[in-house]
Structure formats: C-alpha cells, structure tokens
Amino acid sequence: MKTDFKCPHCSNLLNAGPNIVFTSRNRKGKEGIIMLHPELGNYSVNRHPDFDVPNDEMLEFYCPYCKEQLKSEKNPYLAWIRMSDETGLEYDIHFSRIAGQHATYKITGKNVETFGEDAGEYLDDLK
C-alpha cells in the first residue's frame, strides 16, 4: 500500500525513497538527519554514525522544509506527522521521541491504532 507522510505544519512530503526523513537534534545540541522506516511498527532507523543517539535519549524532530518542530500537542514525549494512504484517507501519526522506545499511534477521529511493545506508555493521552 502506498502511503505518504507529510509535515503537519507545511504539508510538504517527508518520505524519500524507502524512508521518512527528518532533521533531528540530540541532547548535546548536535543536529543530524534521521530516516525512519515508513511501515508503522517497523523501528528501523538510519542515520550517520557520527550522529550519536544512545537509547533512552529524547530527540527533537523537525521538518526538513519549514524547520518547524514536530512535537505532539497531545504529549511532549511524542512527535507528530500526518499520513495519507492510497485511498486518500488521512491519519495523524504520533511516535515516541525517545530512542529505542517502540510506541507509534495511528489516529483518525477517536480511533487509535497502536504499534510497538511500548505503545501502552502514552495511550491514555491520545484518547
């Protein structure tokens, strides 16, 4: 199924090739590119080896176009983007900003679909 991922601020597409592309900043203030797998629940990450991101570190995610921070308004530990599927349906996608934490949420209306073994962590904030 073809899906597109967009910035919720400027609506520019974030997927390039087989990845969703973000600019990011670690707790030391170093910036880098992070590429996430577009399949919800697949937690493969690509980044330059010099962009150090230890497990449990909270990252800041930004749109590479408009530079807006992609922090969720529902919970500060989550990032937020939009997804549209091949039928044109749109969803809000929230995912953990904490490296190594597997929690992703696909939201449409009041329906919340969860992905990842840590998804119970923030579920109450999304209902």
Protein backbone atom coordinates (compact mmCIF):
# COMPACT_ATOMS: atom_id res chain seq x y z
CA MET A 1 0.00 0.00 0.00
CA LYS A 2 1.34 3.42 -0.97
CA THR A 3 1.48 5.92 1.85
CA ASP A 4 2.69 9.48 2.02
CA PHE A 5 3.94 11.22 5.13
CA LYS A 6 3.61 14.98 5.48
CA CYS A 7 4.62 17.75 7.82
CA PRO A 8 1.54 18.87 9.79
CA HIS A 9 2.72 22.49 9.54
CA CYS A 10 3.65 22.99 5.86
CA SER A 11 2.18 19.80 4.28
CA ASN A 12 5.41 19.03 2.38
CA LEU A 13 6.18 15.34 1.84
CA LEU A 14 8.65 13.77 4.26
CA ASN A 15 9.15 10.42 2.53
CA ALA A 16 12.03 9.98 0.13
CA GLY A 17 12.72 6.58 -1.33
CA PRO A 18 12.14 3.93 1.31
CA ASN A 19 12.38 6.32 4.30
CA ILE A 20 10.67 9.13 6.18
CA VAL A 21 13.28 11.89 6.50
CA PHE A 22 13.63 14.30 9.43
CA THR A 23 16.21 16.68 10.73
CA SER A 24 16.86 16.00 14.38
CA ARG A 25 18.75 17.32 17.39
CA ASN A 26 20.16 15.29 20.28
CA ARG A 27 20.51 16.44 23.90
CA LYS A 28 24.03 17.74 23.20
CA GLY A 29 22.56 20.09 20.57
CA LYS A 30 24.14 18.23 17.65
CA GLU A 31 21.94 18.07 14.56
CA GLY A 32 21.63 15.24 12.08
CA ILE A 33 19.38 13.53 9.58
CA ILE A 34 17.25 10.63 10.83
CA MET A 35 15.46 8.32 8.42
CA LEU A 36 12.68 6.08 9.74
CA HIS A 37 11.05 3.12 8.03
CA PRO A 38 7.57 4.04 6.71
CA GLU A 39 5.91 0.80 7.85
CA LEU A 40 4.19 1.51 11.15
CA GLY A 41 5.66 -0.80 13.77
CA ASN A 42 8.97 -1.23 11.92
CA TYR A 43 11.55 0.58 14.03
CA SER A 44 14.49 0.51 11.59
CA VAL A 45 16.47 3.75 11.79
CA ASN A 46 19.16 5.12 9.50
CA ARG A 47 21.46 7.96 10.49
CA HIS A 48 25.07 8.97 10.10
CA PRO A 49 27.28 7.05 12.60
CA ASP A 50 28.67 10.35 13.92
CA PHE A 51 25.19 11.47 14.97
CA ASP A 52 25.28 9.85 18.40
CA VAL A 53 21.88 8.78 19.74
CA PRO A 54 22.05 6.46 22.76
CA ASN A 55 18.97 4.50 23.83
CA ASP A 56 16.63 6.44 26.14
CA GLU A 57 17.72 9.81 24.74
CA MET A 58 14.85 12.11 23.79
CA LEU A 59 15.33 13.66 20.36
CA GLU A 60 13.82 16.72 18.77
CA PHE A 61 12.34 16.10 15.31
CA TYR A 62 11.97 18.87 12.71
CA CYS A 63 10.52 19.20 9.23
CA PRO A 64 13.44 19.46 6.76
CA TYR A 65 11.43 22.05 4.74
CA CYS A 66 9.83 24.52 7.14
CA LYS A 67 12.10 23.69 10.12
CA GLU A 68 9.09 23.51 12.48
CA GLN A 69 9.45 21.19 15.44
CA LEU A 70 7.26 18.11 15.11
CA LYS A 71 6.40 17.77 18.80
CA SER A 72 2.96 16.34 19.52
CA GLU A 73 0.45 18.61 21.24
CA LYS A 74 -1.02 15.53 22.93
CA ASN A 75 2.15 14.50 24.77
CA PRO A 76 5.62 16.16 24.84
CA TYR A 77 7.35 12.77 24.60
CA LEU A 78 5.81 12.16 21.16
CA ALA A 79 6.48 13.51 17.66
CA TRP A 80 3.63 14.17 15.22
CA ILE A 81 3.29 13.88 11.44
CA ARG A 82 0.44 13.19 9.01
CA MET A 83 -0.04 10.14 6.81
CA SER A 84 -2.32 9.60 3.80
CA ASP A 85 -2.99 6.23 2.22
CA GLU A 86 -3.68 5.31 -1.40
CA THR A 87 -7.43 5.86 -0.92
CA GLY A 88 -6.84 9.44 0.25
CA LEU A 89 -7.65 8.83 3.92
CA GLU A 90 -5.55 10.93 6.29
CA TYR A 91 -4.28 9.99 9.73
CA ASP A 92 -2.34 11.66 12.49
CA ILE A 93 0.76 9.65 13.36
CA HIS A 94 2.36 10.12 16.77
CA PHE A 95 5.55 8.29 17.71
CA SER A 96 7.96 8.26 20.62
CA ARG A 97 10.80 10.78 20.55
CA ILE A 98 12.80 8.56 22.91
CA ALA A 99 15.47 6.48 21.13
CA GLY A 100 14.83 2.77 21.49
CA GLN A 101 11.24 3.19 22.66
CA HIS A 102 8.78 1.48 20.31
CA ALA A 103 5.49 3.36 20.53
CA THR A 104 3.54 4.54 17.47
CA TYR A 105 -0.09 5.63 17.15
CA LYS A 106 -2.25 5.96 14.04
CA ILE A 107 -5.21 8.21 14.80
CA THR A 108 -8.32 9.01 12.83
CA GLY A 109 -11.15 10.69 14.69
CA LYS A 110 -11.50 8.85 18.01
CA ASN A 111 -9.96 5.64 16.66
CA VAL A 112 -6.39 4.97 17.87
CA GLU A 113 -4.41 2.06 16.40
CA THR A 114 -1.22 1.19 18.30
CA PHE A 115 2.11 -0.26 17.20
CA GLY A 116 5.15 -1.35 19.22
CA GLU A 117 5.71 -3.04 22.55
CA ASP A 118 5.82 0.32 24.39
CA ALA A 119 2.56 1.68 22.91
CA GLY A 120 0.73 1.43 26.23
CA GLU A 121 3.02 4.13 27.64
CA TYR A 122 1.15 7.12 26.13
CA LEU A 123 -2.18 5.63 25.05
CA ASP A 124 -4.25 7.46 27.69
CA ASP A 125 -3.05 10.85 26.36
CA LEU A 126 -4.27 10.03 22.84
CA LYS A 127 -7.88 9.02 23.54
